Each structure stands twice: as C-alpha cells, then as structure tokens.
Amino acid sequence: MRDTPDHIIQMQRDILHSKTPAQRFEIGLDLINLSRLMVESSIKNEKPQISESDLKIEVFKRCYKGFFNAGEFEKIINAMAKYLKSSVTS
C-alpha cells in the first residue's frame, strides 16, 4: 500500500532523471549518510552511554545482520572490536 499518488511519484522520477549522474550520486550518498545517522540515533536512544567504537559495531549489526552466516558475522564483529580497540589505544 502506498500513500503517494502516481502523479507525484512520476514527478519525483522526472526530477531525479533530470539530474546529472554526479548529482544523482551525491543524492545517493546523502541518503546513505542520513540512514546511518538515523540508525545511530536510534541506538543512542536505547543506549545513551554507548562508546563510539561500540556504536560502530551496533550500526554494523543492524545494517548487515542478514548478509552473513552466524560464524562470519561473529568473526567480523570480533575483528571490528579488536581493530577499534587498537585504534583507540594507538
């Protein structure tokens, strides 16, 4: 079910297609950044005292939990934690 009328969707498509490839790329990057900020904000609301390194791990968990099997997922999370811990102490 959509709440946007077809003519408005077409208008949005026309606007997007009128942009140059570089402009469309920038729009895509902006949307990715906005999405990341929304995920970070949600996590911070749940865990206000979360450290920056733990926040990065939690963002990864939310965004990529369906992309890897459990073993791979744990390996990646452990590697991230090790890397982030070493970069804080360096």
PDB file of N, CA and C in Angstrom:
ATOM      1  N   MET A   1       0.831  -1.174   0.000  1.00  0.00           N
ATOM      2  CA  MET A   1       0.000   0.000   0.000  1.00  0.00           C
ATOM      3  C   MET A   1       0.880   1.244   0.000  1.00  0.00           C
ATOM      4  N   ARG A   2       0.567   2.164  -0.908  1.00  0.00           N
ATOM      5  CA  ARG A   2       1.322   3.413  -0.998  1.00  0.00           C
ATOM      6  C   ARG A   2       0.443   4.578  -0.578  1.00  0.00           C
ATOM      7  N   ASP A   3       1.080   5.580  -0.022  1.00  0.00           N
ATOM      8  CA  ASP A   3       0.331   6.771   0.345  1.00  0.00           C
ATOM      9  C   ASP A   3       0.638   7.946  -0.582  1.00  0.00           C
ATOM     10  N   THR A   4       1.445   7.690  -1.622  1.00  0.00           N
ATOM     11  CA  THR A   4       1.820   8.737  -2.569  1.00  0.00           C
ATOM     12  C   THR A   4       1.115   8.488  -3.901  1.00  0.00           C
ATOM     13  N   PRO A   5       0.392   9.479  -4.395  1.00  0.00           N
ATOM     14  CA  PRO A   5      -0.304   9.313  -5.686  1.00  0.00           C
ATOM     15  C   PRO A   5       0.682   9.094  -6.835  1.00  0.00           C
ATOM     16  N   ASP A   6       0.233   8.377  -7.858  1.00  0.00           N
ATOM     17  CA  ASP A   6       1.090   8.046  -9.003  1.00  0.00           C
ATOM     18  C   ASP A   6       1.681   9.285  -9.669  1.00  0.00           C
ATOM     19  N   HIS A   7       0.910  10.360  -9.799  1.00  0.00           N
ATOM     20  CA  HIS A   7       1.431  11.540 -10.485  1.00  0.00           C
ATOM     21  C   HIS A   7       2.557  12.202  -9.684  1.00  0.00           C
ATOM     22  N   ILE A   8       2.527  12.078  -8.376  1.00  0.00           N
ATOM     23  CA  ILE A   8       3.609  12.619  -7.547  1.00  0.00           C
ATOM     24  C   ILE A   8       4.854  11.741  -7.671  1.00  0.00           C
ATOM     25  N   ILE A   9       4.665  10.441  -7.700  1.00  0.00           N
ATOM     26  CA  ILE A   9       5.795   9.527  -7.906  1.00  0.00           C
ATOM     27  C   ILE A   9       6.458   9.827  -9.244  1.00  0.00           C
ATOM     28  N   GLN A  10       5.644  10.039 -10.277  1.00  0.00           N
ATOM     29  CA  GLN A  10       6.201  10.356 -11.601  1.00  0.00           C
ATOM     30  C   GLN A  10       6.955  11.676 -11.569  1.00  0.00           C
ATOM     31  N   MET A  11       6.433  12.652 -10.836  1.00  0.00           N
ATOM     32  CA  MET A  11       7.104  13.942 -10.698  1.00  0.00           C
ATOM     33  C   MET A  11       8.477  13.765 -10.046  1.00  0.00           C
ATOM     34  N   GLN A  12       8.522  12.937  -8.995  1.00  0.00           N
ATOM     35  CA  GLN A  12       9.788  12.667  -8.313  1.00  0.00           C
ATOM     36  C   GLN A  12      10.770  11.990  -9.263  1.00  0.00           C
ATOM     37  N   ARG A  13      10.283  11.041 -10.051  1.00  0.00           N
ATOM     38  CA  ARG A  13      11.150  10.361 -11.031  1.00  0.00           C
ATOM     39  C   ARG A  13      11.689  11.355 -12.049  1.00  0.00           C
ATOM     40  N   ASP A  14      10.812  12.231 -12.552  1.00  0.00           N
ATOM     41  CA  ASP A  14      11.231  13.218 -13.548  1.00  0.00           C
ATOM     42  C   ASP A  14      12.316  14.131 -12.986  1.00  0.00           C
ATOM     43  N   ILE A  15      12.147  14.558 -11.741  1.00  0.00           N
ATOM     44  CA  ILE A  15      13.155  15.414 -11.100  1.00  0.00           C
ATOM     45  C   ILE A  15      14.475  14.672 -10.990  1.00  0.00           C
ATOM     46  N   LEU A  16      14.430  13.441 -10.508  1.00  0.00           N
ATOM     47  CA  LEU A  16      15.658  12.661 -10.345  1.00  0.00           C
ATOM     48  C   LEU A  16      16.338  12.411 -11.685  1.00  0.00           C
ATOM     49  N   HIS A  17      15.556  12.082 -12.705  1.00  0.00           N
ATOM     50  CA  HIS A  17      16.138  11.793 -14.023  1.00  0.00           C
ATOM     51  C   HIS A  17      16.675  13.043 -14.706  1.00  0.00           C
ATOM     52  N   SER A  18      16.264  14.221 -14.244  1.00  0.00           N
ATOM     53  CA  SER A  18      16.778  15.465 -14.824  1.00  0.00           C
ATOM     54  C   SER A  18      18.163  15.816 -14.273  1.00  0.00           C
ATOM     55  N   LYS A  19      18.581  15.125 -13.230  1.00  0.00           N
ATOM     56  CA  LYS A  19      19.881  15.381 -12.609  1.00  0.00           C
ATOM     57  C   LYS A  19      20.989  14.707 -13.399  1.00  0.00           C
ATOM     58  N   THR A  20      22.190  15.238 -13.265  1.00  0.00           N
ATOM     59  CA  THR A  20      23.355  14.609 -13.890  1.00  0.00           C
ATOM     60  C   THR A  20      23.715  13.360 -13.081  1.00  0.00           C
ATOM     61  N   PRO A  21      24.486  12.460 -13.681  1.00  0.00           N
ATOM     62  CA  PRO A  21      24.923  11.288 -12.906  1.00  0.00           C
ATOM     63  C   PRO A  21      25.650  11.676 -11.614  1.00  0.00           C
ATOM     64  N   ALA A  22      26.461  12.716 -11.658  1.00  0.00           N
ATOM     65  CA  ALA A  22      27.182  13.150 -10.456  1.00  0.00           C
ATOM     66  C   ALA A  22      26.201  13.644  -9.390  1.00  0.00           C
ATOM     67  N   GLN A  23      25.172  14.372  -9.810  1.00  0.00           N
ATOM     68  CA  GLN A  23      24.172  14.852  -8.854  1.00  0.00           C
ATOM     69  C   GLN A  23      23.388  13.690  -8.250  1.00  0.00           C
ATOM     70  N   ARG A  24      23.042  12.704  -9.065  1.00  0.00           N
ATOM     71  CA  ARG A  24      22.324  11.532  -8.550  1.00  0.00           C
ATOM     72  C   ARG A  24      23.203  10.756  -7.574  1.00  0.00           C
ATOM     73  N   PHE A  25      24.491  10.672  -7.877  1.00  0.00           N
ATOM     74  CA  PHE A  25      25.432  10.006  -6.972  1.00  0.00           C
ATOM     75  C   PHE A  25      25.468  10.733  -5.628  1.00  0.00           C
ATOM     76  N   GLU A  26      25.546  12.065  -5.661  1.00  0.00           N
ATOM     77  CA  GLU A  26      25.552  12.862  -4.423  1.00  0.00           C
ATOM     78  C   GLU A  26      24.274  12.649  -3.625  1.00  0.00           C
ATOM     79  N   ILE A  27      23.147  12.587  -4.308  1.00  0.00           N
ATOM     80  CA  ILE A  27      21.872  12.332  -3.638  1.00  0.00           C
ATOM     81  C   ILE A  27      21.915  10.973  -2.939  1.00  0.00           C
ATOM     82  N   GLY A  28      22.454   9.980  -3.636  1.00  0.00           N
ATOM     83  CA  GLY A  28      22.584   8.643  -3.045  1.00  0.00           C
ATOM     84  C   GLY A  28      23.456   8.653  -1.800  1.00  0.00           C
ATOM     85  N   LEU A  29      24.584   9.366  -1.871  1.00  0.00           N
ATOM     86  CA  LEU A  29      25.461   9.462  -0.704  1.00  0.00           C
ATOM     87  C   LEU A  29      24.761  10.158   0.454  1.00  0.00           C
ATOM     88  N   ASP A  30      24.029  11.207   0.148  1.00  0.00           N
ATOM     89  CA  ASP A  30      23.280  11.911   1.198  1.00  0.00           C
ATOM     90  C   ASP A  30      22.264  10.989   1.868  1.00  0.00           C
ATOM     91  N   LEU A  31      21.598  10.159   1.068  1.00  0.00           N
ATOM     92  CA  LEU A  31      20.609   9.229   1.634  1.00  0.00           C
ATOM     93  C   LEU A  31      21.277   8.169   2.505  1.00  0.00           C
ATOM     94  N   ILE A  32      22.432   7.685   2.077  1.00  0.00           N
ATOM     95  CA  ILE A  32      23.176   6.714   2.884  1.00  0.00           C
ATOM     96  C   ILE A  32      23.577   7.342   4.215  1.00  0.00           C
ATOM     97  N   ASN A  33      24.098   8.561   4.169  1.00  0.00           N
ATOM     98  CA  ASN A  33      24.511   9.244   5.400  1.00  0.00           C
ATOM     99  C   ASN A  33      23.330   9.497   6.320  1.00  0.00           C
ATOM    100  N   LEU A  34      22.198   9.909   5.748  1.00  0.00           N
ATOM    101  CA  LEU A  34      21.002  10.138   6.558  1.00  0.00           C
ATOM    102  C   LEU A  34      20.547   8.843   7.229  1.00  0.00           C
ATOM    103  N   SER A  35      20.571   7.760   6.476  1.00  0.00           N
ATOM    104  CA  SER A  35      20.175   6.462   7.034  1.00  0.00           C
ATOM    105  C   SER A  35      21.078   6.060   8.190  1.00  0.00           C
ATOM    106  N   ARG A  36      22.387   6.248   8.008  1.00  0.00           N
ATOM    107  CA  ARG A  36      23.343   5.907   9.074  1.00  0.00           C
ATOM    108  C   ARG A  36      23.075   6.747  10.315  1.00  0.00           C
ATOM    109  N   LEU A  37      22.828   8.038  10.116  1.00  0.00           N
ATOM    110  CA  LEU A  37      22.539   8.914  11.256  1.00  0.00           C
ATOM    111  C   LEU A  37      21.265   8.493  11.981  1.00  0.00           C
ATOM    112  N   MET A  38      20.277   8.046  11.230  1.00  0.00           N
ATOM    113  CA  MET A  38      19.031   7.592  11.853  1.00  0.00           C
ATOM    114  C   MET A  38      19.275   6.334  12.681  1.00  0.00           C
ATOM    115  N   VAL A  39      20.062   5.402  12.146  1.00  0.00           N
ATOM    116  CA  VAL A  39      20.378   4.176  12.884  1.00  0.00           C
ATOM    117  C   VAL A  39      21.179   4.526  14.141  1.00  0.00           C
ATOM    118  N   GLU A  40      22.177   5.397  13.996  1.00  0.00           N
ATOM    119  CA  GLU A  40      22.975   5.807  15.157  1.00  0.00           C
ATOM    120  C   GLU A  40      22.098   6.453  16.225  1.00  0.00           C
ATOM    121  N   SER A  41      21.197   7.315  15.802  1.00  0.00           N
ATOM    122  CA  SER A  41      20.313   7.997  16.744  1.00  0.00           C
ATOM    123  C   SER A  41      19.435   7.006  17.496  1.00  0.00           C
ATOM    124  N   SER A  42      18.919   6.031  16.787  1.00  0.00           N
ATOM    125  CA  SER A  42      18.084   5.013  17.409  1.00  0.00           C
ATOM    126  C   SER A  42      18.872   4.227  18.465  1.00  0.00           C
ATOM    127  N   ILE A  43      20.093   3.865  18.124  1.00  0.00           N
ATOM    128  CA  ILE A  43      20.936   3.110  19.059  1.00  0.00           C
ATOM    129  C   ILE A  43      21.272   3.971  20.279  1.00  0.00           C
ATOM    130  N   LYS A  44      21.600   5.234  20.043  1.00  0.00           N
ATOM    131  CA  LYS A  44      21.939   6.136  21.155  1.00  0.00           C
ATOM    132  C   LYS A  44      20.736   6.355  22.070  1.00  0.00           C
ATOM    133  N   ASN A  45      19.535   6.351  21.504  1.00  0.00           N
ATOM    134  CA  ASN A  45      18.340   6.472  22.344  1.00  0.00           C
ATOM    135  C   ASN A  45      18.170   5.258  23.245  1.00  0.00           C
ATOM    136  N   GLU A  46      18.515   4.082  22.723  1.00  0.00           N
ATOM    137  CA  GLU A  46      18.417   2.851  23.508  1.00  0.00           C
ATOM    138  C   GLU A  46      19.553   2.717  24.512  1.00  0.00           C
ATOM    139  N   LYS A  47      20.746   3.195  24.117  1.00  0.00           N
ATOM    140  CA  LYS A  47      21.956   3.049  24.940  1.00  0.00           C
ATOM    141  C   LYS A  47      22.680   4.394  24.999  1.00  0.00           C
ATOM    142  N   PRO A  48      22.195   5.311  25.819  1.00  0.00           N
ATOM    143  CA  PRO A  48      22.760   6.667  25.833  1.00  0.00           C
ATOM    144  C   PRO A  48      24.252   6.744  26.180  1.00  0.00           C
ATOM    145  N   GLN A  49      24.761   5.789  26.918  1.00  0.00           N
ATOM    146  CA  GLN A  49      26.161   5.836  27.350  1.00  0.00           C
ATOM    147  C   GLN A  49      27.101   5.062  26.419  1.00  0.00           C
ATOM    148  N   ILE A  50      26.621   4.638  25.254  1.00  0.00           N
ATOM    149  CA  ILE A  50      27.417   3.796  24.357  1.00  0.00           C
ATOM    150  C   ILE A  50      28.662   4.537  23.868  1.00  0.00           C
ATOM    151  N   SER A  51      29.768   3.810  23.804  1.00  0.00           N
ATOM    152  CA  SER A  51      31.014   4.399  23.305  1.00  0.00           C
ATOM    153  C   SER A  51      30.953   4.478  21.777  1.00  0.00           C
ATOM    154  N   GLU A  52      31.832   5.292  21.211  1.00  0.00           N
ATOM    155  CA  GLU A  52      31.853   5.447  19.755  1.00  0.00           C
ATOM    156  C   GLU A  52      32.202   4.132  19.059  1.00  0.00           C
ATOM    157  N   SER A  53      33.143   3.376  19.621  1.00  0.00           N
ATOM    158  CA  SER A  53      33.514   2.110  18.986  1.00  0.00           C
ATOM    159  C   SER A  53      32.367   1.098  19.079  1.00  0.00           C
ATOM    160  N   ASP A  54      31.690   1.045  20.221  1.00  0.00           N
ATOM    161  CA  ASP A  54      30.550   0.131  20.343  1.00  0.00           C
ATOM    162  C   ASP A  54      29.398   0.575  19.433  1.00  0.00           C
ATOM    163  N   LEU A  55      29.255   1.873  19.248  1.00  0.00           N
ATOM    164  CA  LEU A  55      28.227   2.383  18.344  1.00  0.00           C
ATOM    165  C   LEU A  55      28.483   1.907  16.921  1.00  0.00           C
ATOM    166  N   LYS A  56      29.733   1.955  16.491  1.00  0.00           N
ATOM    167  CA  LYS A  56      30.072   1.481  15.145  1.00  0.00           C
ATOM    168  C   LYS A  56      29.719   0.008  14.983  1.00  0.00           C
ATOM    169  N   ILE A  57      29.997  -0.765  15.990  1.00  0.00           N
ATOM    170  CA  ILE A  57      29.687  -2.201  15.941  1.00  0.00           C
ATOM    171  C   ILE A  57      28.176  -2.414  15.905  1.00  0.00           C
ATOM    172  N   GLU A  58      27.447  -1.679  16.715  1.00  0.00           N
ATOM    173  CA  GLU A  58      25.982  -1.812  16.732  1.00  0.00           C
ATOM    174  C   GLU A  58      25.363  -1.391  15.412  1.00  0.00           C
ATOM    175  N   VAL A  59      25.899  -0.356  14.784  1.00  0.00           N
ATOM    176  CA  VAL A  59      25.407   0.064  13.465  1.00  0.00           C
ATOM    177  C   VAL A  59      25.642  -1.062  12.459  1.00  0.00           C
ATOM    178  N   PHE A  60      26.840  -1.642  12.494  1.00  0.00           N
ATOM    179  CA  PHE A  60      27.138  -2.753  11.597  1.00  0.00           C
ATOM    180  C   PHE A  60      26.155  -3.901  11.822  1.00  0.00           C
ATOM    181  N   LYS A  61      25.904  -4.235  13.081  1.00  0.00           N
ATOM    182  CA  LYS A  61      24.992  -5.342  13.392  1.00  0.00           C
ATOM    183  C   LYS A  61      23.602  -5.090  12.801  1.00  0.00           C
ATOM    184  N   ARG A  62      23.104  -3.868  12.967  1.00  0.00           N
ATOM    185  CA  ARG A  62      21.765  -3.556  12.462  1.00  0.00           C
ATOM    186  C   ARG A  62      21.697  -3.580  10.948  1.00  0.00           C
ATOM    187  N   CYS A  63      22.743  -3.090  10.321  1.00  0.00           N
ATOM    188  CA  CYS A  63      22.696  -2.940   8.867  1.00  0.00           C
ATOM    189  C   CYS A  63      23.028  -4.218   8.103  1.00  0.00           C
ATOM    190  N   TYR A  64      23.820  -5.099   8.704  1.00  0.00           N
ATOM    191  CA  TYR A  64      24.335  -6.241   7.945  1.00  0.00           C
ATOM    192  C   TYR A  64      24.025  -7.601   8.544  1.00  0.00           C
ATOM    193  N   LYS A  65      23.129  -7.665   9.527  1.00  0.00           N
ATOM    194  CA  LYS A  65      22.883  -8.941  10.196  1.00  0.00           C
ATOM    195  C   LYS A  65      22.354 -10.022   9.256  1.00  0.00           C
ATOM    196  N   GLY A  66      21.685  -9.662   8.192  1.00  0.00           N
ATOM    197  CA  GLY A  66      21.148 -10.663   7.276  1.00  0.00           C
ATOM    198  C   GLY A  66      22.063 -11.024   6.127  1.00  0.00           C
ATOM    199  N   PHE A  67      23.261 -10.440   6.076  1.00  0.00           N
ATOM    200  CA  PHE A  67      24.152 -10.643   4.946  1.00  0.00           C
ATOM    201  C   PHE A  67      25.176 -11.750   5.142  1.00  0.00           C
ATOM    202  N   PHE A  68      25.364 -12.186   6.373  1.00  0.00           N
ATOM    203  CA  PHE A  68      26.404 -13.161   6.676  1.00  0.00           C
ATOM    204  C   PHE A  68      25.825 -14.280   7.535  1.00  0.00           C
ATOM    205  N   ASN A  69      26.451 -15.462   7.455  1.00  0.00           N
ATOM    206  CA  ASN A  69      26.021 -16.517   8.369  1.00  0.00           C
ATOM    207  C   ASN A  69      26.546 -16.174   9.768  1.00  0.00           C
ATOM    208  N   ALA A  70      26.065 -16.884  10.757  1.00  0.00           N
ATOM    209  CA  ALA A  70      26.376 -16.545  12.151  1.00  0.00           C
ATOM    210  C   ALA A  70      27.875 -16.557  12.425  1.00  0.00           C
ATOM    211  N   GLY A  71      28.582 -17.528  11.892  1.00  0.00           N
ATOM    212  CA  GLY A  71      30.023 -17.620  12.123  1.00  0.00           C
ATOM    213  C   GLY A  71      30.777 -16.452  11.506  1.00  0.00           C
ATOM    214  N   GLU A  72      30.448 -16.137  10.262  1.00  0.00           N
ATOM    215  CA  GLU A  72      31.093 -14.999   9.598  1.00  0.00           C
ATOM    216  C   GLU A  72      30.785 -13.695  10.330  1.00  0.00           C
ATOM    217  N   PHE A  73      29.530 -13.570  10.729  1.00  0.00           N
ATOM    218  CA  PHE A  73      29.087 -12.357  11.416  1.00  0.00           C
ATOM    219  C   PHE A  73      29.889 -12.140  12.700  1.00  0.00           C
ATOM    220  N   GLU A  74      30.047 -13.190  13.478  1.00  0.00           N
ATOM    221  CA  GLU A  74      30.817 -13.089  14.725  1.00  0.00           C
ATOM    222  C   GLU A  74      32.280 -12.760  14.461  1.00  0.00           C
ATOM    223  N   LYS A  75      32.865 -13.382  13.419  1.00  0.00           N
ATOM    224  CA  LYS A  75      34.262 -13.092  13.077  1.00  0.00           C
ATOM    225  C   LYS A  75      34.436 -11.613  12.732  1.00  0.00           C
ATOM    226  N   ILE A  76      33.521 -11.089  11.952  1.00  0.00           N
ATOM    227  CA  ILE A  76      33.602  -9.682  11.552  1.00  0.00           C
ATOM    228  C   ILE A  76      33.466  -8.767  12.766  1.00  0.00           C
ATOM    229  N   ILE A  77      32.487  -9.063  13.611  1.00  0.00           N
ATOM    230  CA  ILE A  77      32.270  -8.234  14.806  1.00  0.00           C
ATOM    231  C   ILE A  77      33.492  -8.281  15.722  1.00  0.00           C
ATOM    232  N   ASN A  78      34.054  -9.474  15.905  1.00  0.00           N
ATOM    233  CA  ASN A  78      35.256  -9.601  16.749  1.00  0.00           C
ATOM    234  C   ASN A  78      36.435  -8.841  16.147  1.00  0.00           C
ATOM    235  N   ALA A  79      36.591  -8.921  14.815  1.00  0.00           N
ATOM    236  CA  ALA A  79      37.675  -8.193  14.150  1.00  0.00           C
ATOM    237  C   ALA A  79      37.465  -6.683  14.273  1.00  0.00           C
ATOM    238  N   MET A  80      36.225  -6.247  14.139  1.00  0.00           N
ATOM    239  CA  MET A  80      35.933  -4.819  14.302  1.00  0.00           C
ATOM    240  C   MET A  80      36.281  -4.367  15.711  1.00  0.00           C
ATOM    241  N   ALA A  81      35.865  -5.134  16.696  1.00  0.00           N
ATOM    242  CA  ALA A  81      36.123  -4.776  18.094  1.00  0.00           C
ATOM    243  C   ALA A  81      37.626  -4.703  18.353  1.00  0.00           C
ATOM    244  N   LYS A  82      38.363  -5.673  17.840  1.00  0.00           N
ATOM    245  CA  LYS A  82      39.817  -5.689  18.023  1.00  0.00           C
ATOM    246  C   LYS A  82      40.451  -4.476  17.342  1.00  0.00           C
ATOM    247  N   TYR A  83      40.038  -4.207  16.120  1.00  0.00           N
ATOM    248  CA  TYR A  83      40.580  -3.064  15.385  1.00  0.00           C
ATOM    249  C   TYR A  83      40.251  -1.745  16.089  1.00  0.00           C
ATOM    250  N   LEU A  84      38.993  -1.578  16.478  1.00  0.00           N
ATOM    251  CA  LEU A  84      38.589  -0.330  17.114  1.00  0.00           C
ATOM    252  C   LEU A  84      39.267  -0.132  18.467  1.00  0.00           C
ATOM    253  N   LYS A  85      39.467  -1.223  19.190  1.00  0.00           N
ATOM    254  CA  LYS A  85      40.176  -1.140  20.475  1.00  0.00           C
ATOM    255  C   LYS A  85      41.627  -0.728  20.259  1.00  0.00           C
ATOM    256  N   SER A  86      42.259  -1.306  19.230  1.00  0.00           N
ATOM    257  CA  SER A  86      43.671  -0.962  18.961  1.00  0.00           C
ATOM    258  C   SER A  86      43.817   0.460  18.425  1.00  0.00           C
ATOM    259  N   SER A  87      42.837   0.949  17.710  1.00  0.00           N
ATOM    260  CA  SER A  87      42.949   2.310  17.183  1.00  0.00           C
ATOM    261  C   SER A  87      42.721   3.351  18.260  1.00  0.00           C
ATOM    262  N   VAL A  88      42.007   2.982  19.325  1.00  0.00           N
ATOM    263  CA  VAL A  88      41.772   3.893  20.452  1.00  0.00           C
ATOM    264  C   VAL A  88      43.039   3.983  21.299  1.00  0.00           C
ATOM    265  N   THR A  89      43.734   2.865  21.455  1.00  0.00           N
ATOM    266  CA  THR A  89      44.923   2.835  22.312  1.00  0.00           C
ATOM    267  C   THR A  89      46.178   3.279  21.560  1.00  0.00           C
ATOM    268  N   SER A  90      46.099   3.403  20.237  1.00  0.00           N
ATOM    269  CA  SER A  90      47.291   3.808  19.454  1.00  0.00           C
ATOM    270  C   SER A  90      47.535   5.283  19.526  1.00  0.00           C
TER     271      SER A  90
END
